[in-house]
C-alpha atoms as a PDB file:
ATOM      1  CA  MET A   1      37.535   8.498 -63.512  1.00  0.00           C
ATOM      2  CA  LYS A   2      36.763   6.010 -60.732  1.00  0.00           C
ATOM      3  CA  LYS A   3      33.131   7.112 -60.670  1.00  0.00           C
ATOM      4  CA  VAL A   4      32.800   6.410 -64.388  1.00  0.00           C
ATOM      5  CA  PHE A   5      34.451   3.001 -63.909  1.00  0.00           C
ATOM      6  CA  PHE A   6      32.110   2.025 -61.068  1.00  0.00           C
ATOM      7  CA  ALA A   7      29.096   3.283 -63.001  1.00  0.00           C
ATOM      8  CA  LEU A   8      30.136   1.162 -65.962  1.00  0.00           C
ATOM      9  CA  ILE A   9      30.444  -1.938 -63.773  1.00  0.00           C
ATOM     10  CA  LEU A  10      27.013  -1.301 -62.278  1.00  0.00           C
ATOM     11  CA  SER A  11      25.497  -0.844 -65.719  1.00  0.00           C
ATOM     12  CA  LEU A  12      27.002  -4.092 -66.960  1.00  0.00           C
ATOM     13  CA  PHE A  13      25.809  -5.943 -63.828  1.00  0.00           C
ATOM     14  CA  CYS A  14      22.239  -4.724 -64.355  1.00  0.00           C
ATOM     15  CA  CYS A  15      22.368  -5.822 -67.978  1.00  0.00           C
ATOM     16  CA  TYR A  16      23.645  -9.274 -67.044  1.00  0.00           C
ATOM     17  CA  SER A  17      21.023  -9.634 -64.297  1.00  0.00           C
ATOM     18  CA  ALA A  18      18.200  -8.654 -66.625  1.00  0.00           C
ATOM     19  CA  GLN A  19      19.500 -11.038 -69.282  1.00  0.00           C
ATOM     20  CA  ALA A  20      19.791 -13.883 -66.755  1.00  0.00           C
ATOM     21  CA  ALA A  21      16.216 -13.319 -65.575  1.00  0.00           C
ATOM     22  CA  GLU A  22      15.003 -13.279 -69.164  1.00  0.00           C
ATOM     23  CA  ASP A  23      16.870 -16.484 -69.971  1.00  0.00           C
ATOM     24  CA  TYR A  24      15.508 -18.185 -66.854  1.00  0.00           C
ATOM     25  CA  THR A  25      11.936 -17.243 -67.793  1.00  0.00           C
ATOM     26  CA  ARG A  26      12.501 -18.546 -71.309  1.00  0.00           C
ATOM     27  CA  TYR A  27      13.749 -21.921 -70.061  1.00  0.00           C
ATOM     28  CA  VAL A  28      10.871 -22.181 -67.592  1.00  0.00           C
ATOM     29  CA  SER A  29       8.443 -21.624 -70.481  1.00  0.00           C
ATOM     30  CA  GLU A  30      10.251 -24.239 -72.534  1.00  0.00           C
ATOM     31  CA  CYS A  31       9.949 -26.727 -69.679  1.00  0.00           C
ATOM     32  CA  LEU A  32       6.265 -26.024 -69.084  1.00  0.00           C
ATOM     33  CA  ASP A  33       5.542 -26.645 -72.760  1.00  0.00           C
ATOM     34  CA  TYR A  34       6.439 -30.315 -72.234  1.00  0.00           C
ATOM     35  CA  VAL A  35       5.927 -31.353 -68.617  1.00  0.00           C
ATOM     36  CA  GLN A  36       2.561 -32.168 -67.089  1.00  0.00           C
ATOM     37  CA  ARG A  37       1.200 -30.965 -63.795  1.00  0.00           C
ATOM     38  CA  PRO A  38       2.215 -33.224 -60.889  1.00  0.00           C
ATOM     39  CA  LYS A  39      -0.110 -35.938 -59.712  1.00  0.00           C
ATOM     40  CA  VAL A  40      -1.488 -34.881 -56.328  1.00  0.00           C
ATOM     41  CA  ASN A  41      -2.592 -37.471 -53.770  1.00  0.00           C
ATOM     42  CA  LEU A  42      -4.160 -36.663 -50.400  1.00  0.00           C
ATOM     43  CA  ALA A  43      -5.038 -39.282 -47.769  1.00  0.00           C
ATOM     44  CA  SER A  44      -6.358 -38.974 -44.227  1.00  0.00           C
ATOM     45  CA  SER A  45      -7.541 -40.872 -41.167  1.00  0.00           C
ATOM     46  CA  TYR A  46      -9.317 -40.011 -37.929  1.00  0.00           C
ATOM     47  CA  GLY A  47      -7.249 -42.543 -36.015  1.00  0.00           C
ATOM     48  CA  LYS A  48      -8.679 -45.009 -33.501  1.00  0.00           C
ATOM     49  CA  LEU A  49     -10.147 -43.233 -30.483  1.00  0.00           C
ATOM     50  CA  ARG A  50      -8.932 -44.423 -27.077  1.00  0.00           C
ATOM     51  CA  TYR A  51     -10.386 -43.817 -23.601  1.00  0.00           C
ATOM     52  CA  LYS A  52      -8.250 -43.478 -20.467  1.00  0.00           C
ATOM     53  CA  PHE A  53      -9.825 -43.426 -17.003  1.00  0.00           C
ATOM     54  CA  ASP A  54      -6.679 -43.708 -14.840  1.00  0.00           C
ATOM     55  CA  LYS A  55      -5.273 -40.168 -14.794  1.00  0.00           C
ATOM     56  CA  ASP A  56      -5.375 -37.864 -11.770  1.00  0.00           C
ATOM     57  CA  SER A  57      -6.152 -34.136 -11.580  1.00  0.00           C
ATOM     58  CA  LEU A  58      -2.462 -33.102 -11.723  1.00  0.00           C
ATOM     59  CA  PHE A  59      -2.004 -34.895 -15.029  1.00  0.00           C
ATOM     60  CA  LEU A  60      -5.155 -33.376 -16.528  1.00  0.00           C
ATOM     61  CA  LYS A  61      -4.296 -29.894 -15.296  1.00  0.00           C
ATOM     62  CA  ARG A  62      -0.762 -30.056 -16.693  1.00  0.00           C
ATOM     63  CA  LYS A  63      -1.923 -31.298 -20.092  1.00  0.00           C
ATOM     64  CA  THR A  64      -4.740 -28.744 -20.251  1.00  0.00           C
ATOM     65  CA  MET A  65      -2.339 -25.943 -19.325  1.00  0.00           C
ATOM     66  CA  GLN A  66      -0.103 -26.969 -22.225  1.00  0.00           C
ATOM     67  CA  LYS A  67      -3.012 -26.666 -24.656  1.00  0.00           C
ATOM     68  CA  PHE A  68      -3.760 -23.150 -23.414  1.00  0.00           C
ATOM     69  CA  LEU A  69      -0.105 -22.138 -23.684  1.00  0.00           C
ATOM     70  CA  MET A  70       0.120 -23.423 -27.253  1.00  0.00           C
ATOM     71  CA  GLN A  71      -2.553 -20.852 -28.146  1.00  0.00           C
ATOM     72  CA  HIS A  72      -0.770 -18.141 -26.150  1.00  0.00           C
ATOM     73  CA  LYS A  73      -3.533 -18.121 -23.556  1.00  0.00           C
ATOM     74  CA  THR A  74      -3.505 -18.534 -19.782  1.00  0.00           C
ATOM     75  CA  MET A  75      -5.559 -21.197 -18.062  1.00  0.00           C
ATOM     76  CA  PRO A  76      -7.585 -19.788 -15.130  1.00  0.00           C
ATOM     77  CA  ASP A  77      -5.995 -20.606 -11.765  1.00  0.00           C
ATOM     78  CA  ASP A  78      -9.224 -22.027 -10.337  1.00  0.00           C
ATOM     79  CA  PHE A  79      -9.865 -24.178 -13.394  1.00  0.00           C
ATOM     80  CA  VAL A  80      -9.889 -27.892 -12.455  1.00  0.00           C
ATOM     81  CA  PRO A  81     -10.346 -30.055 -15.574  1.00  0.00           C
ATOM     82  CA  ILE A  82     -12.196 -33.323 -15.133  1.00  0.00           C
ATOM     83  CA  GLY A  83     -11.608 -34.492 -18.677  1.00  0.00           C
ATOM     84  CA  LEU A  84      -9.285 -33.923 -21.608  1.00  0.00           C
ATOM     85  CA  THR A  85      -9.194 -34.755 -25.303  1.00  0.00           C
ATOM     86  CA  ASP A  86      -5.669 -35.169 -26.650  1.00  0.00           C
ATOM     87  CA  VAL A  87      -5.507 -35.195 -30.455  1.00  0.00           C
ATOM     88  CA  ARG A  88      -2.350 -34.750 -32.475  1.00  0.00           C
ATOM     89  CA  ASP A  89      -2.327 -34.530 -36.224  1.00  0.00           C
ATOM     90  CA  VAL A  90       0.467 -35.990 -38.335  1.00  0.00           C
ATOM     91  CA  PHE A  91       1.530 -34.399 -41.614  1.00  0.00           C
ATOM     92  CA  ASP A  92       3.420 -36.763 -43.935  1.00  0.00           C
ATOM     93  CA  PHE A  93       4.877 -35.374 -47.156  1.00  0.00           C
ATOM     94  CA  ASP A  94       6.451 -37.247 -50.057  1.00  0.00           C
ATOM     95  CA  PHE A  95       7.754 -35.479 -53.137  1.00  0.00           C
ATOM     96  CA  GLN A  96       8.921 -37.124 -56.351  1.00  0.00           C
ATOM     97  CA  VAL A  97      10.780 -35.167 -59.025  1.00  0.00           C
ATOM     98  CA  GLU A  98      11.995 -35.801 -62.543  1.00  0.00           C
ATOM     99  CA  THR A  99      14.391 -33.946 -64.815  1.00  0.00           C
ATOM    100  CA  MET A 100      14.204 -32.983 -68.465  1.00  0.00           C
ATOM    101  CA  GLY A 101      16.912 -31.649 -70.736  1.00  0.00           C
ATOM    102  CA  LEU A 102      16.361 -28.249 -72.340  1.00  0.00           C
ATOM    103  CA  SER A 103      18.129 -26.313 -75.063  1.00  0.00           C
ATOM    104  CA  HIS A 104      21.720 -25.089 -74.582  1.00  0.00           C
ATOM    105  CA  GLY A 105      22.393 -27.742 -71.951  1.00  0.00           C
ATOM    106  CA  TYR A 106      19.941 -26.445 -69.360  1.00  0.00           C
ATOM    107  CA  ILE A 107      17.933 -28.861 -67.211  1.00  0.00           C
ATOM    108  CA  CYS A 108      14.432 -28.586 -65.800  1.00  0.00           C
ATOM    109  CA  VAL A 109      13.719 -30.158 -62.414  1.00  0.00           C
ATOM    110  CA  TYR A 110       9.984 -30.539 -61.898  1.00  0.00           C
ATOM    111  CA  PRO A 111       7.570 -32.276 -59.493  1.00  0.00           C
ATOM    112  CA  LYS A 112       6.106 -35.530 -60.741  1.00  0.00           C
ATOM    113  CA  VAL A 113       4.065 -36.758 -57.734  1.00  0.00           C
ATOM    114  CA  ILE A 114       3.073 -35.056 -54.474  1.00  0.00           C
ATOM    115  CA  ASP A 115       1.783 -37.355 -51.728  1.00  0.00           C
ATOM    116  CA  VAL A 116       0.349 -35.915 -48.522  1.00  0.00           C
ATOM    117  CA  ARG A 117      -1.236 -37.677 -45.572  1.00  0.00           C
ATOM    118  CA  LEU A 118      -2.916 -35.688 -42.824  1.00  0.00           C
ATOM    119  CA  GLU A 119      -4.279 -37.786 -40.000  1.00  0.00           C
ATOM    120  CA  TYR A 120      -4.988 -37.874 -36.284  1.00  0.00           C
ATOM    121  CA  SER A 121      -2.571 -40.021 -34.313  1.00  0.00           C
ATOM    122  CA  LEU A 122      -3.787 -41.883 -31.215  1.00  0.00           C
ATOM    123  CA  PRO A 123      -6.697 -39.567 -30.330  1.00  0.00           C
ATOM    124  CA  THR A 124      -7.373 -40.069 -26.627  1.00  0.00           C
ATOM    125  CA  ILE A 125     -10.119 -39.006 -24.231  1.00  0.00           C
ATOM    126  CA  TYR A 126      -9.059 -38.795 -20.573  1.00  0.00           C
ATOM    127  CA  ILE A 127     -11.591 -38.805 -17.737  1.00  0.00           C
ATOM    128  CA  LEU A 128     -10.569 -37.919 -14.170  1.00  0.00           C
ATOM    129  CA  ASN A 129      -9.945 -41.123 -12.218  1.00  0.00           C
ATOM    130  CA  THR A 130     -11.977 -39.999  -9.175  1.00  0.00           C
ATOM    131  CA  LEU A 131     -15.238 -39.604 -11.102  1.00  0.00           C
ATOM    132  CA  VAL A 132     -17.763 -42.335 -10.449  1.00  0.00           C
ATOM    133  CA  PRO A 133     -19.030 -44.030 -13.618  1.00  0.00           C
ATOM    134  CA  GLY A 134     -22.679 -43.153 -14.152  1.00  0.00           C
ATOM    135  CA  SER A 135     -22.520 -40.021 -11.962  1.00  0.00           C
ATOM    136  CA  CYS A 136     -23.609 -36.672 -13.357  1.00  0.00           C
ATOM    137  CA  LEU A 137     -20.078 -35.213 -13.521  1.00  0.00           C
ATOM    138  CA  TYR A 138     -18.790 -38.381 -15.160  1.00  0.00           C
ATOM    139  CA  GLU A 139     -21.456 -38.198 -17.865  1.00  0.00           C
ATOM    140  CA  VAL A 140     -20.926 -34.449 -18.310  1.00  0.00           C
ATOM    141  CA  ALA A 141     -17.161 -34.906 -18.687  1.00  0.00           C
ATOM    142  CA  LEU A 142     -17.622 -37.736 -21.165  1.00  0.00           C
ATOM    143  CA  ARG A 143     -20.113 -35.755 -23.250  1.00  0.00           C
ATOM    144  CA  HIS A 144     -17.882 -32.680 -23.145  1.00  0.00           C
ATOM    145  CA  GLU A 145     -14.821 -34.572 -24.415  1.00  0.00           C
ATOM    146  CA  LYS A 146     -16.825 -36.356 -27.099  1.00  0.00           C
ATOM    147  CA  THR A 147     -17.879 -32.922 -28.319  1.00  0.00           C
ATOM    148  CA  HIS A 148     -14.214 -31.942 -28.571  1.00  0.00           C
ATOM    149  CA  MET A 149     -13.540 -35.079 -30.615  1.00  0.00           C
ATOM    150  CA  GLN A 150     -16.444 -34.320 -32.916  1.00  0.00           C
ATOM    151  CA  ILE A 151     -15.056 -30.831 -33.510  1.00  0.00           C
ATOM    152  CA  TYR A 152     -11.730 -32.368 -34.530  1.00  0.00           C
ATOM    153  CA  ILE A 153     -13.460 -34.752 -36.936  1.00  0.00           C
ATOM    154  CA  GLU A 154     -15.594 -32.039 -38.513  1.00  0.00           C
ATOM    155  CA  ALA A 155     -12.592 -29.717 -38.764  1.00  0.00           C
ATOM    156  CA  LEU A 156     -10.633 -32.347 -40.693  1.00  0.00           C
ATOM    157  CA  ASP A 157     -13.605 -33.091 -42.957  1.00  0.00           C
ATOM    158  CA  TYR A 158     -13.988 -29.378 -43.666  1.00  0.00           C
ATOM    159  CA  PHE A 159     -10.291 -28.791 -44.314  1.00  0.00           C
ATOM    160  CA  LEU A 160      -9.404 -31.751 -46.532  1.00  0.00           C
ATOM    161  CA  PRO A 161     -11.127 -30.609 -49.759  1.00  0.00           C
ATOM    162  CA  ARG A 162      -9.687 -27.136 -49.251  1.00  0.00           C
ATOM    163  CA  LEU A 163      -6.226 -28.581 -48.730  1.00  0.00           C
ATOM    164  CA  LYS A 164      -6.599 -30.640 -51.903  1.00  0.00           C
ATOM    165  CA  ALA A 165      -7.579 -27.521 -53.865  1.00  0.00           C
ATOM    166  CA  TYR A 166      -4.586 -25.719 -52.364  1.00  0.00           C
ATOM    167  CA  MET A 167      -2.265 -28.555 -53.398  1.00  0.00           C
ATOM    168  CA  ASP A 168      -3.674 -28.558 -56.931  1.00  0.00           C
ATOM    169  CA  LYS A 169      -2.602 -24.909 -57.331  1.00  0.00           C
ATOM    170  CA  GLN A 170       0.891 -25.307 -55.875  1.00  0.00           C
ATOM    171  CA  PHE A 171       2.382 -25.982 -59.289  1.00  0.00           C
ATOM    172  CA  GLU A 172       1.086 -22.633 -60.529  1.00  0.00           C
ATOM    173  CA  ARG A 173       2.563 -20.814 -57.516  1.00  0.00           C
ATOM    174  CA  ILE A 174       5.926 -22.571 -57.133  1.00  0.00           C
ATOM    175  CA  GLY A 175       6.562 -24.249 -60.469  1.00  0.00           C
ATOM    176  CA  VAL A 176       9.886 -25.802 -61.475  1.00  0.00           C
ATOM    177  CA  LYS A 177      13.637 -25.255 -61.070  1.00  0.00           C
ATOM    178  CA  ILE A 178      15.999 -24.557 -63.952  1.00  0.00           C
ATOM    179  CA  ILE A 179      19.700 -25.342 -63.670  1.00  0.00           C
ATOM    180  CA  SER A 180      22.630 -25.067 -66.040  1.00  0.00           C
ATOM    181  CA  ARG A 181      24.719 -27.989 -67.192  1.00  0.00           C
ATOM    182  CA  SER A 182      27.133 -27.414 -64.320  1.00  0.00           C
ATOM    183  CA  GLY A 183      24.358 -27.165 -61.726  1.00  0.00           C
ATOM    184  CA  SER A 184      23.364 -29.858 -59.231  1.00  0.00           C
ATOM    185  CA  SER A 185      20.046 -31.557 -59.963  1.00  0.00           C
ATOM    186  CA  GLU A 186      20.092 -33.074 -56.460  1.00  0.00           C
ATOM    187  CA  GLN A 187      20.348 -29.660 -54.853  1.00  0.00           C
ATOM    188  CA  ALA A 188      17.650 -28.251 -57.133  1.00  0.00           C
ATOM    189  CA  ALA A 189      15.368 -31.170 -56.241  1.00  0.00           C
ATOM    190  CA  ALA A 190      15.997 -30.585 -52.526  1.00  0.00           C
ATOM    191  CA  GLU A 191      15.213 -26.864 -52.865  1.00  0.00           C
ATOM    192  CA  LEU A 192      12.051 -27.607 -54.816  1.00  0.00           C
ATOM    193  CA  ASN A 193      10.985 -30.195 -52.238  1.00  0.00           C
ATOM    194  CA  GLN A 194      11.520 -27.678 -49.428  1.00  0.00           C
ATOM    195  CA  ALA A 195       9.559 -24.978 -51.243  1.00  0.00           C
ATOM    196  CA  TYR A 196       6.506 -27.210 -51.730  1.00  0.00           C
ATOM    197  CA  PHE A 197       6.777 -28.593 -48.184  1.00  0.00           C
ATOM    198  CA  ASN A 198       7.048 -25.147 -46.559  1.00  0.00           C
ATOM    199  CA  ASP A 199       4.099 -23.891 -48.566  1.00  0.00           C
ATOM    200  CA  LEU A 200       1.885 -26.752 -47.376  1.00  0.00           C
ATOM    201  CA  GLN A 201       3.152 -26.650 -43.810  1.00  0.00           C
ATOM    202  CA  GLN A 202       2.214 -22.980 -43.456  1.00  0.00           C
ATOM    203  CA  ARG A 203      -1.322 -23.742 -44.631  1.00  0.00           C
ATOM    204  CA  ILE A 204      -1.648 -26.685 -42.238  1.00  0.00           C
ATOM    205  CA  GLU A 205      -0.251 -24.673 -39.323  1.00  0.00           C
ATOM    206  CA  ALA A 206      -2.892 -22.010 -39.941  1.00  0.00           C
ATOM    207  CA  TRP A 207      -5.586 -24.719 -39.912  1.00  0.00           C
ATOM    208  CA  ARG A 208      -4.235 -26.179 -36.648  1.00  0.00           C
ATOM    209  CA  HIS A 209      -4.419 -22.756 -35.044  1.00  0.00           C
ATOM    210  CA  GLU A 210      -8.001 -22.248 -36.207  1.00  0.00           C
ATOM    211  CA  VAL A 211      -9.070 -25.649 -34.845  1.00  0.00           C
ATOM    212  CA  GLU A 212      -7.580 -25.042 -31.404  1.00  0.00           C
ATOM    213  CA  ILE A 213      -9.236 -21.627 -31.209  1.00  0.00           C
ATOM    214  CA  GLU A 214     -12.580 -23.348 -31.782  1.00  0.00           C
ATOM    215  CA  GLN A 215     -11.749 -25.953 -29.149  1.00  0.00           C
ATOM    216  CA  LEU A 216     -10.926 -23.327 -26.526  1.00  0.00           C
ATOM    217  CA  LYS A 217     -14.357 -21.772 -27.051  1.00  0.00           C
ATOM    218  CA  LEU A 218     -15.727 -24.912 -25.414  1.00  0.00           C
ATOM    219  CA  ASP A 219     -13.288 -24.682 -22.513  1.00  0.00           C
ATOM    220  CA  THR A 220     -14.284 -21.328 -21.067  1.00  0.00           C
ATOM    221  CA  PRO A 221     -14.815 -20.995 -17.280  1.00  0.00           C
ATOM    222  CA  GLU A 222     -18.408 -19.951 -17.982  1.00  0.00           C
ATOM    223  CA  HIS A 223     -19.079 -23.163 -19.878  1.00  0.00           C
ATOM    224  CA  TYR A 224     -17.669 -25.318 -17.092  1.00  0.00           C
ATOM    225  CA  MET A 225     -19.622 -23.405 -14.457  1.00  0.00           C
ATOM    226  CA  LEU A 226     -22.790 -24.070 -16.436  1.00  0.00           C
ATOM    227  CA  GLU A 227     -22.054 -27.803 -16.645  1.00  0.00           C
ATOM    228  CA  ASN A 228     -21.234 -28.016 -12.934  1.00  0.00           C
ATOM    229  CA  SER A 229     -24.376 -26.103 -11.982  1.00  0.00           C
ATOM    230  CA  LEU A 230     -26.481 -28.565 -13.959  1.00  0.00           C
ATOM    231  CA  CYS A 231     -25.028 -31.418 -11.944  1.00  0.00           C
ATOM    232  CA  GLN A 232     -25.572 -29.542  -8.691  1.00  0.00           C
ATOM    233  CA  GLU A 233     -29.234 -29.011  -9.587  1.00  0.00           C
ATOM    234  CA  ILE A 234     -29.659 -32.688 -10.414  1.00  0.00           C
ATOM    235  CA  GLU A 235     -27.989 -33.797  -7.189  1.00  0.00           C
ATOM    236  CA  SER A 236     -30.056 -31.324  -5.137  1.00  0.00           C
ATOM    237  CA  SER A 237     -33.316 -32.542  -6.648  1.00  0.00           C
ATOM    238  CA  SER A 238     -32.352 -36.175  -6.000  1.00  0.00           C
ATOM    239  CA  ASP A 239     -31.990 -35.468  -2.262  1.00  0.00           C
ATOM    240  CA  PHE A 240     -35.739 -34.921  -1.896  1.00  0.00           C
END
């Protein structure tokens, strides 16, 4: 008898769950018949590039080691950086919602405006303080770090239109929130905000990872050995 009772409860639960899902879909469709897609705004900035010539080798080595570790890589022990480009991007997100009443007392919470700003904050090129201005190593270090900065700029230029296209399709992927009369519109708005934010943050994190992988391709020991050998050849030829 208990088995029949439990089976009956399970059957009723499945029926209620299926009905709830059907009702939710119906109210979502009702909402989408009236609301418009959110307005999507995307802004960016390269930031103002700064140059610092007062840092010693310990500072540059520590900062460079951190960049390697962030990509789960190990900096070679004999690697002595003579320059460094420090660029941090800032992701600002603003989300505006509105509500609309539906049939049977249900409420639709939907995004009205999505504002995103992705920019570089205080991009800085560091050059080792012992390098003599105008010397070969000084010029090599400066050119090397400017190349890093150019990669950052081109990476942002490449990513922005793709990010905008991604944002334009968020509404199709995430949509709206439906709550009953007794539900909290504030909580629904917070959950919707978090869903859109997390979706964008994952995409931006993937882009950050891709950019740093490209940057590390320029920071291989082989590349630095090549640059140093060029300076050694120039200095050797100038001795004659």
